[in-house]
Amino acid sequence: MPNNNKCQSCSMPLSKNKDYGTNADNSPNKEYCRFCFQKGVFTEPNISFDEMMDKVAHVMIAKVAVPEEKAYEIARLELTQVSRWK
């Protein structure tokens, strides 16, 4: 089973129950976060790797003040390690 410590789509850390996405029956989905997966489906089923990388990098820039170049470097590395983008 994939690493349950991070979302297997966006690599967001999963540490609290509220972080988890939901299955079709509304039970917690331990593989994906609430931003990527709701009610058993991806919230953005057609998002590309590059689009996801942009989203992840922008969150790091805005929320954690990571410099842009470093944010993209981290986003690319992290996303290549999760199951949705392997």
PDB file of N, CA and C in Angstrom:
ATOM      1  N   MET A   1       0.850  -1.191   0.000  1.00  0.00           N
ATOM      2  CA  MET A   1       0.000   0.000   0.000  1.00  0.00           C
ATOM      3  C   MET A   1       0.891   1.248   0.000  1.00  0.00           C
ATOM      4  N   PRO A   2       0.435   2.323  -0.650  1.00  0.00           N
ATOM      5  CA  PRO A   2       1.232   3.556  -0.712  1.00  0.00           C
ATOM      6  C   PRO A   2       1.466   4.157   0.670  1.00  0.00           C
ATOM      7  N   ASN A   3       2.401   5.068   0.706  1.00  0.00           N
ATOM      8  CA  ASN A   3       2.723   5.781   1.936  1.00  0.00           C
ATOM      9  C   ASN A   3       1.496   6.556   2.407  1.00  0.00           C
ATOM     10  N   ASN A   4       0.958   6.180   3.554  1.00  0.00           N
ATOM     11  CA  ASN A   4      -0.244   6.834   4.068  1.00  0.00           C
ATOM     12  C   ASN A   4       0.050   8.146   4.769  1.00  0.00           C
ATOM     13  N   ASN A   5       1.290   8.572   4.766  1.00  0.00           N
ATOM     14  CA  ASN A   5       1.625   9.830   5.412  1.00  0.00           C
ATOM     15  C   ASN A   5       1.477  11.020   4.481  1.00  0.00           C
ATOM     16  N   LYS A   6       1.252  10.776   3.194  1.00  0.00           N
ATOM     17  CA  LYS A   6       1.048  11.881   2.264  1.00  0.00           C
ATOM     18  C   LYS A   6       0.092  11.482   1.149  1.00  0.00           C
ATOM     19  N   CYS A   7      -0.584  12.484   0.625  1.00  0.00           N
ATOM     20  CA  CYS A   7      -1.532  12.262  -0.465  1.00  0.00           C
ATOM     21  C   CYS A   7      -0.791  11.687  -1.664  1.00  0.00           C
ATOM     22  N   GLN A   8      -1.360  10.660  -2.254  1.00  0.00           N
ATOM     23  CA  GLN A   8      -0.746  10.004  -3.394  1.00  0.00           C
ATOM     24  C   GLN A   8      -1.099  10.684  -4.719  1.00  0.00           C
ATOM     25  N   SER A   9      -1.585  11.924  -4.617  1.00  0.00           N
ATOM     26  CA  SER A   9      -1.844  12.747  -5.788  1.00  0.00           C
ATOM     27  C   SER A   9      -1.043  14.046  -5.732  1.00  0.00           C
ATOM     28  N   CYS A  10      -1.128  14.766  -4.591  1.00  0.00           N
ATOM     29  CA  CYS A  10      -0.460  16.071  -4.487  1.00  0.00           C
ATOM     30  C   CYS A  10       0.691  16.086  -3.490  1.00  0.00           C
ATOM     31  N   SER A  11       0.853  15.014  -2.743  1.00  0.00           N
ATOM     32  CA  SER A  11       1.923  14.860  -1.755  1.00  0.00           C
ATOM     33  C   SER A  11       1.706  15.675  -0.480  1.00  0.00           C
ATOM     34  N   MET A  12       0.491  16.176  -0.263  1.00  0.00           N
ATOM     35  CA  MET A  12       0.193  16.901   0.969  1.00  0.00           C
ATOM     36  C   MET A  12       0.323  15.953   2.155  1.00  0.00           C
ATOM     37  N   PRO A  13       0.947  16.396   3.247  1.00  0.00           N
ATOM     38  CA  PRO A  13       1.019  15.550   4.443  1.00  0.00           C
ATOM     39  C   PRO A  13      -0.381  15.215   4.956  1.00  0.00           C
ATOM     40  N   LEU A  14      -0.588  13.963   5.330  1.00  0.00           N
ATOM     41  CA  LEU A  14      -1.864  13.513   5.881  1.00  0.00           C
ATOM     42  C   LEU A  14      -1.633  13.135   7.329  1.00  0.00           C
ATOM     43  N   SER A  15      -2.037  14.007   8.234  1.00  0.00           N
ATOM     44  CA  SER A  15      -1.788  13.744   9.647  1.00  0.00           C
ATOM     45  C   SER A  15      -3.049  13.780  10.506  1.00  0.00           C
ATOM     46  N   LYS A  16      -4.084  14.446  10.015  1.00  0.00           N
ATOM     47  CA  LYS A  16      -5.330  14.566  10.787  1.00  0.00           C
ATOM     48  C   LYS A  16      -6.474  13.953   9.973  1.00  0.00           C
ATOM     49  N   ASN A  17      -7.505  13.505  10.651  1.00  0.00           N
ATOM     50  CA  ASN A  17      -8.659  12.912   9.964  1.00  0.00           C
ATOM     51  C   ASN A  17      -9.249  13.864   8.927  1.00  0.00           C
ATOM     52  N   LYS A  18      -9.255  15.164   9.235  1.00  0.00           N
ATOM     53  CA  LYS A  18      -9.843  16.136   8.314  1.00  0.00           C
ATOM     54  C   LYS A  18      -9.038  16.287   7.021  1.00  0.00           C
ATOM     55  N   ASP A  19      -7.797  15.799   7.008  1.00  0.00           N
ATOM     56  CA  ASP A  19      -6.951  15.897   5.819  1.00  0.00           C
ATOM     57  C   ASP A  19      -7.366  14.912   4.724  1.00  0.00           C
ATOM     58  N   TYR A  20      -7.970  13.793   5.111  1.00  0.00           N
ATOM     59  CA  TYR A  20      -8.257  12.715   4.168  1.00  0.00           C
ATOM     60  C   TYR A  20      -9.432  13.030   3.250  1.00  0.00           C
ATOM     61  N   GLY A  21      -9.324  12.531   2.025  1.00  0.00           N
ATOM     62  CA  GLY A  21     -10.434  12.592   1.092  1.00  0.00           C
ATOM     63  C   GLY A  21     -11.496  11.585   1.513  1.00  0.00           C
ATOM     64  N   THR A  22     -12.537  11.471   0.709  1.00  0.00           N
ATOM     65  CA  THR A  22     -13.621  10.542   1.046  1.00  0.00           C
ATOM     66  C   THR A  22     -13.900   9.584  -0.094  1.00  0.00           C
ATOM     67  N   ASN A  23     -14.312   8.370   0.303  1.00  0.00           N
ATOM     68  CA  ASN A  23     -14.751   7.367  -0.667  1.00  0.00           C
ATOM     69  C   ASN A  23     -16.204   7.645  -1.043  1.00  0.00           C
ATOM     70  N   ALA A  24     -16.720   6.869  -1.988  1.00  0.00           N
ATOM     71  CA  ALA A  24     -18.101   7.056  -2.442  1.00  0.00           C
ATOM     72  C   ALA A  24     -19.100   6.948  -1.293  1.00  0.00           C
ATOM     73  N   ASP A  25     -18.801   6.106  -0.300  1.00  0.00           N
ATOM     74  CA  ASP A  25     -19.706   5.940   0.845  1.00  0.00           C
ATOM     75  C   ASP A  25     -19.436   6.958   1.956  1.00  0.00           C
ATOM     76  N   ASN A  26     -18.610   7.948   1.657  1.00  0.00           N
ATOM     77  CA  ASN A  26     -18.242   9.026   2.576  1.00  0.00           C
ATOM     78  C   ASN A  26     -17.266   8.606   3.676  1.00  0.00           C
ATOM     79  N   SER A  27     -16.762   7.380   3.619  1.00  0.00           N
ATOM     80  CA  SER A  27     -15.735   6.963   4.574  1.00  0.00           C
ATOM     81  C   SER A  27     -14.408   7.613   4.178  1.00  0.00           C
ATOM     82  N   PRO A  28     -13.490   7.752   5.134  1.00  0.00           N
ATOM     83  CA  PRO A  28     -12.201   8.383   4.804  1.00  0.00           C
ATOM     84  C   PRO A  28     -11.406   7.551   3.802  1.00  0.00           C
ATOM     85  N   ASN A  29     -10.769   8.230   2.884  1.00  0.00           N
ATOM     86  CA  ASN A  29      -9.873   7.576   1.940  1.00  0.00           C
ATOM     87  C   ASN A  29      -8.456   7.865   2.409  1.00  0.00           C
ATOM     88  N   LYS A  30      -7.732   6.846   2.811  1.00  0.00           N
ATOM     89  CA  LYS A  30      -6.410   7.014   3.422  1.00  0.00           C
ATOM     90  C   LYS A  30      -5.295   7.214   2.402  1.00  0.00           C
ATOM     91  N   GLU A  31      -5.627   7.210   1.112  1.00  0.00           N
ATOM     92  CA  GLU A  31      -4.616   7.369   0.071  1.00  0.00           C
ATOM     93  C   GLU A  31      -4.530   8.801  -0.466  1.00  0.00           C
ATOM     94  N   TYR A  32      -5.653   9.518  -0.440  1.00  0.00           N
ATOM     95  CA  TYR A  32      -5.708  10.856  -1.038  1.00  0.00           C
ATOM     96  C   TYR A  32      -6.264  11.894  -0.062  1.00  0.00           C
ATOM     97  N   CYS A  33      -5.862  13.150  -0.273  1.00  0.00           N
ATOM     98  CA  CYS A  33      -6.332  14.245   0.584  1.00  0.00           C
ATOM     99  C   CYS A  33      -7.708  14.752   0.142  1.00  0.00           C
ATOM    100  N   ARG A  34      -8.273  15.586   0.984  1.00  0.00           N
ATOM    101  CA  ARG A  34      -9.606  16.146   0.728  1.00  0.00           C
ATOM    102  C   ARG A  34      -9.630  17.096  -0.465  1.00  0.00           C
ATOM    103  N   PHE A  35      -8.490  17.645  -0.829  1.00  0.00           N
ATOM    104  CA  PHE A  35      -8.445  18.551  -1.972  1.00  0.00           C
ATOM    105  C   PHE A  35      -8.410  17.799  -3.295  1.00  0.00           C
ATOM    106  N   CYS A  36      -7.881  16.586  -3.275  1.00  0.00           N
ATOM    107  CA  CYS A  36      -7.709  15.801  -4.504  1.00  0.00           C
ATOM    108  C   CYS A  36      -8.807  14.768  -4.736  1.00  0.00           C
ATOM    109  N   PHE A  37      -9.469  14.317  -3.664  1.00  0.00           N
ATOM    110  CA  PHE A  37     -10.367  13.166  -3.789  1.00  0.00           C
ATOM    111  C   PHE A  37     -11.581  13.338  -2.891  1.00  0.00           C
ATOM    112  N   GLN A  38     -12.777  13.375  -3.501  1.00  0.00           N
ATOM    113  CA  GLN A  38     -14.015  13.517  -2.740  1.00  0.00           C
ATOM    114  C   GLN A  38     -15.084  12.607  -3.313  1.00  0.00           C
ATOM    115  N   LYS A  39     -15.784  11.930  -2.419  1.00  0.00           N
ATOM    116  CA  LYS A  39     -16.887  11.040  -2.793  1.00  0.00           C
ATOM    117  C   LYS A  39     -16.465   9.996  -3.819  1.00  0.00           C
ATOM    118  N   GLY A  40     -15.229   9.510  -3.668  1.00  0.00           N
ATOM    119  CA  GLY A  40     -14.760   8.398  -4.493  1.00  0.00           C
ATOM    120  C   GLY A  40     -14.189   8.770  -5.845  1.00  0.00           C
ATOM    121  N   VAL A  41     -14.034  10.060  -6.114  1.00  0.00           N
ATOM    122  CA  VAL A  41     -13.480  10.477  -7.408  1.00  0.00           C
ATOM    123  C   VAL A  41     -12.492  11.627  -7.218  1.00  0.00           C
ATOM    124  N   PHE A  42     -11.579  11.758  -8.169  1.00  0.00           N
ATOM    125  CA  PHE A  42     -10.653  12.876  -8.136  1.00  0.00           C
ATOM    126  C   PHE A  42     -11.413  14.176  -8.371  1.00  0.00           C
ATOM    127  N   THR A  43     -11.055  15.212  -7.658  1.00  0.00           N
ATOM    128  CA  THR A  43     -11.696  16.513  -7.834  1.00  0.00           C
ATOM    129  C   THR A  43     -11.294  17.138  -9.172  1.00  0.00           C
ATOM    130  N   GLU A  44     -10.114  16.802  -9.654  1.00  0.00           N
ATOM    131  CA  GLU A  44      -9.642  17.270 -10.957  1.00  0.00           C
ATOM    132  C   GLU A  44      -9.096  16.068 -11.731  1.00  0.00           C
ATOM    133  N   PRO A  45     -10.000  15.267 -12.298  1.00  0.00           N
ATOM    134  CA  PRO A  45      -9.561  14.018 -12.945  1.00  0.00           C
ATOM    135  C   PRO A  45      -8.658  14.222 -14.159  1.00  0.00           C
ATOM    136  N   ASN A  46      -8.719  15.367 -14.777  1.00  0.00           N
ATOM    137  CA  ASN A  46      -7.939  15.594 -15.997  1.00  0.00           C
ATOM    138  C   ASN A  46      -6.717  16.477 -15.795  1.00  0.00           C
ATOM    139  N   ILE A  47      -6.374  16.760 -14.544  1.00  0.00           N
ATOM    140  CA  ILE A  47      -5.216  17.612 -14.292  1.00  0.00           C
ATOM    141  C   ILE A  47      -3.940  16.899 -14.763  1.00  0.00           C
ATOM    142  N   SER A  48      -3.060  17.654 -15.364  1.00  0.00           N
ATOM    143  CA  SER A  48      -1.798  17.074 -15.837  1.00  0.00           C
ATOM    144  C   SER A  48      -0.747  17.157 -14.724  1.00  0.00           C
ATOM    145  N   PHE A  49       0.332  16.445 -14.911  1.00  0.00           N
ATOM    146  CA  PHE A  49       1.451  16.501 -13.967  1.00  0.00           C
ATOM    147  C   PHE A  49       1.948  17.938 -13.815  1.00  0.00           C
ATOM    148  N   ASP A  50       2.148  18.628 -14.931  1.00  0.00           N
ATOM    149  CA  ASP A  50       2.652  20.001 -14.873  1.00  0.00           C
ATOM    150  C   ASP A  50       1.680  20.938 -14.163  1.00  0.00           C
ATOM    151  N   GLU A  51       0.378  20.746 -14.383  1.00  0.00           N
ATOM    152  CA  GLU A  51      -0.617  21.574 -13.695  1.00  0.00           C
ATOM    153  C   GLU A  51      -0.603  21.306 -12.190  1.00  0.00           C
ATOM    154  N   MET A  52      -0.465  20.032 -11.816  1.00  0.00           N
ATOM    155  CA  MET A  52      -0.391  19.697 -10.397  1.00  0.00           C
ATOM    156  C   MET A  52       0.890  20.272  -9.797  1.00  0.00           C
ATOM    157  N   MET A  53       1.974  20.200 -10.530  1.00  0.00           N
ATOM    158  CA  MET A  53       3.234  20.758 -10.040  1.00  0.00           C
ATOM    159  C   MET A  53       3.085  22.257  -9.790  1.00  0.00           C
ATOM    160  N   ASP A  54       2.419  22.967 -10.693  1.00  0.00           N
ATOM    161  CA  ASP A  54       2.161  24.397 -10.494  1.00  0.00           C
ATOM    162  C   ASP A  54       1.357  24.640  -9.215  1.00  0.00           C
ATOM    163  N   LYS A  55       0.304  23.857  -9.021  1.00  0.00           N
ATOM    164  CA  LYS A  55      -0.538  24.033  -7.830  1.00  0.00           C
ATOM    165  C   LYS A  55       0.262  23.809  -6.561  1.00  0.00           C
ATOM    166  N   VAL A  56       1.017  22.720  -6.521  1.00  0.00           N
ATOM    167  CA  VAL A  56       1.794  22.383  -5.330  1.00  0.00           C
ATOM    168  C   VAL A  56       2.854  23.447  -5.064  1.00  0.00           C
ATOM    169  N   ALA A  57       3.555  23.865  -6.111  1.00  0.00           N
ATOM    170  CA  ALA A  57       4.596  24.893  -5.948  1.00  0.00           C
ATOM    171  C   ALA A  57       3.986  26.197  -5.433  1.00  0.00           C
ATOM    172  N   HIS A  58       2.842  26.589  -5.979  1.00  0.00           N
ATOM    173  CA  HIS A  58       2.214  27.842  -5.546  1.00  0.00           C
ATOM    174  C   HIS A  58       1.757  27.784  -4.088  1.00  0.00           C
ATOM    175  N   VAL A  59       1.326  26.626  -3.631  1.00  0.00           N
ATOM    176  CA  VAL A  59       0.957  26.482  -2.216  1.00  0.00           C
ATOM    177  C   VAL A  59       2.199  26.665  -1.348  1.00  0.00           C
ATOM    178  N   MET A  60       3.298  26.044  -1.747  1.00  0.00           N
ATOM    179  CA  MET A  60       4.535  26.190  -0.968  1.00  0.00           C
ATOM    180  C   MET A  60       5.014  27.644  -0.952  1.00  0.00           C
ATOM    181  N   ILE A  61       4.898  28.323  -2.064  1.00  0.00           N
ATOM    182  CA  ILE A  61       5.312  29.728  -2.153  1.00  0.00           C
ATOM    183  C   ILE A  61       4.436  30.590  -1.246  1.00  0.00           C
ATOM    184  N   ALA A  62       3.132  30.389  -1.315  1.00  0.00           N
ATOM    185  CA  ALA A  62       2.186  31.227  -0.576  1.00  0.00           C
ATOM    186  C   ALA A  62       2.116  30.893   0.913  1.00  0.00           C
ATOM    187  N   LYS A  63       2.093  29.622   1.250  1.00  0.00           N
ATOM    188  CA  LYS A  63       1.846  29.216   2.638  1.00  0.00           C
ATOM    189  C   LYS A  63       3.116  29.039   3.463  1.00  0.00           C
ATOM    190  N   VAL A  64       4.221  28.687   2.810  1.00  0.00           N
ATOM    191  CA  VAL A  64       5.437  28.372   3.557  1.00  0.00           C
ATOM    192  C   VAL A  64       6.602  29.275   3.161  1.00  0.00           C
ATOM    193  N   ALA A  65       6.334  30.209   2.244  1.00  0.00           N
ATOM    194  CA  ALA A  65       7.345  31.177   1.789  1.00  0.00           C
ATOM    195  C   ALA A  65       8.602  30.520   1.219  1.00  0.00           C
ATOM    196  N   VAL A  66       8.395  29.415   0.498  1.00  0.00           N
ATOM    197  CA  VAL A  66       9.519  28.770  -0.184  1.00  0.00           C
ATOM    198  C   VAL A  66       9.805  29.583  -1.450  1.00  0.00           C
ATOM    199  N   PRO A  67      11.062  29.879  -1.743  1.00  0.00           N
ATOM    200  CA  PRO A  67      11.390  30.596  -2.980  1.00  0.00           C
ATOM    201  C   PRO A  67      10.888  29.807  -4.209  1.00  0.00           C
ATOM    202  N   GLU A  68      10.459  30.538  -5.236  1.00  0.00           N
ATOM    203  CA  GLU A  68       9.810  29.912  -6.399  1.00  0.00           C
ATOM    204  C   GLU A  68      10.623  28.772  -7.007  1.00  0.00           C
ATOM    205  N   GLU A  69      11.879  29.014  -7.297  1.00  0.00           N
ATOM    206  CA  GLU A  69      12.696  27.975  -7.943  1.00  0.00           C
ATOM    207  C   GLU A  69      12.773  26.718  -7.074  1.00  0.00           C
ATOM    208  N   LYS A  70      12.967  26.894  -5.787  1.00  0.00           N
ATOM    209  CA  LYS A  70      13.047  25.770  -4.852  1.00  0.00           C
ATOM    210  C   LYS A  70      11.701  25.070  -4.745  1.00  0.00           C
ATOM    211  N   ALA A  71      10.610  25.829  -4.746  1.00  0.00           N
ATOM    212  CA  ALA A  71       9.268  25.244  -4.663  1.00  0.00           C
ATOM    213  C   ALA A  71       9.005  24.316  -5.842  1.00  0.00           C
ATOM    214  N   TYR A  72       9.380  24.728  -7.043  1.00  0.00           N
ATOM    215  CA  TYR A  72       9.186  23.873  -8.218  1.00  0.00           C
ATOM    216  C   TYR A  72      10.074  22.632  -8.156  1.00  0.00           C
ATOM    217  N   GLU A  73      11.278  22.799  -7.649  1.00  0.00           N
ATOM    218  CA  GLU A  73      12.192  21.664  -7.510  1.00  0.00           C
ATOM    219  C   GLU A  73      11.613  20.626  -6.537  1.00  0.00           C
ATOM    220  N   ILE A  74      11.126  21.102  -5.392  1.00  0.00           N
ATOM    221  CA  ILE A  74      10.532  20.216  -4.389  1.00  0.00           C
ATOM    222  C   ILE A  74       9.260  19.566  -4.941  1.00  0.00           C
ATOM    223  N   ALA A  75       8.408  20.356  -5.592  1.00  0.00           N
ATOM    224  CA  ALA A  75       7.150  19.827  -6.138  1.00  0.00           C
ATOM    225  C   ALA A  75       7.419  18.710  -7.132  1.00  0.00           C
ATOM    226  N   ARG A  76       8.361  18.913  -8.037  1.00  0.00           N
ATOM    227  CA  ARG A  76       8.679  17.877  -9.028  1.00  0.00           C
ATOM    228  C   ARG A  76       9.175  16.607  -8.346  1.00  0.00           C
ATOM    229  N   LEU A  77      10.080  16.757  -7.399  1.00  0.00           N
ATOM    230  CA  LEU A  77      10.620  15.601  -6.686  1.00  0.00           C
ATOM    231  C   LEU A  77       9.522  14.858  -5.924  1.00  0.00           C
ATOM    232  N   GLU A  78       8.711  15.589  -5.173  1.00  0.00           N
ATOM    233  CA  GLU A  78       7.644  14.971  -4.379  1.00  0.00           C
ATOM    234  C   GLU A  78       6.617  14.251  -5.259  1.00  0.00           C
ATOM    235  N   LEU A  79       6.186  14.905  -6.327  1.00  0.00           N
ATOM    236  CA  LEU A  79       5.140  14.318  -7.163  1.00  0.00           C
ATOM    237  C   LEU A  79       5.604  13.065  -7.893  1.00  0.00           C
ATOM    238  N   THR A  80       6.870  12.973  -8.210  1.00  0.00           N
ATOM    239  CA  THR A  80       7.354  11.755  -8.881  1.00  0.00           C
ATOM    240  C   THR A  80       7.402  10.563  -7.929  1.00  0.00           C
ATOM    241  N   GLN A  81       7.209  10.813  -6.631  1.00  0.00           N
ATOM    242  CA  GLN A  81       7.243   9.742  -5.634  1.00  0.00           C
ATOM    243  C   GLN A  81       5.866   9.217  -5.240  1.00  0.00           C
ATOM    244  N   VAL A  82       4.791   9.833  -5.729  1.00  0.00           N
ATOM    245  CA  VAL A  82       3.438   9.390  -5.342  1.00  0.00           C
ATOM    246  C   VAL A  82       2.805   8.576  -6.468  1.00  0.00           C
ATOM    247  N   SER A  83       1.884   7.710  -6.093  1.00  0.00           N
ATOM    248  CA  SER A  83       1.357   6.723  -7.051  1.00  0.00           C
ATOM    249  C   SER A  83       0.629   7.316  -8.257  1.00  0.00           C
ATOM    250  N   ARG A  84      -0.032   8.438  -8.105  1.00  0.00           N
ATOM    251  CA  ARG A  84      -0.789   8.990  -9.238  1.00  0.00           C
ATOM    252  C   ARG A  84       0.131   9.413 -10.386  1.00  0.00           C
ATOM    253  N   TRP A  85       1.357   9.771 -10.112  1.00  0.00           N
ATOM    254  CA  TRP A  85       2.254  10.311 -11.131  1.00  0.00           C
ATOM    255  C   TRP A  85       3.433   9.413 -11.471  1.00  0.00           C
ATOM    256  N   LYS A  86       3.464   8.206 -10.942  1.00  0.00           N
ATOM    257  CA  LYS A  86       4.568   7.276 -11.254  1.00  0.00           C
ATOM    258  C   LYS A  86       4.400   6.699 -12.625  1.00  0.00           C
TER     259      LYS A  86
END
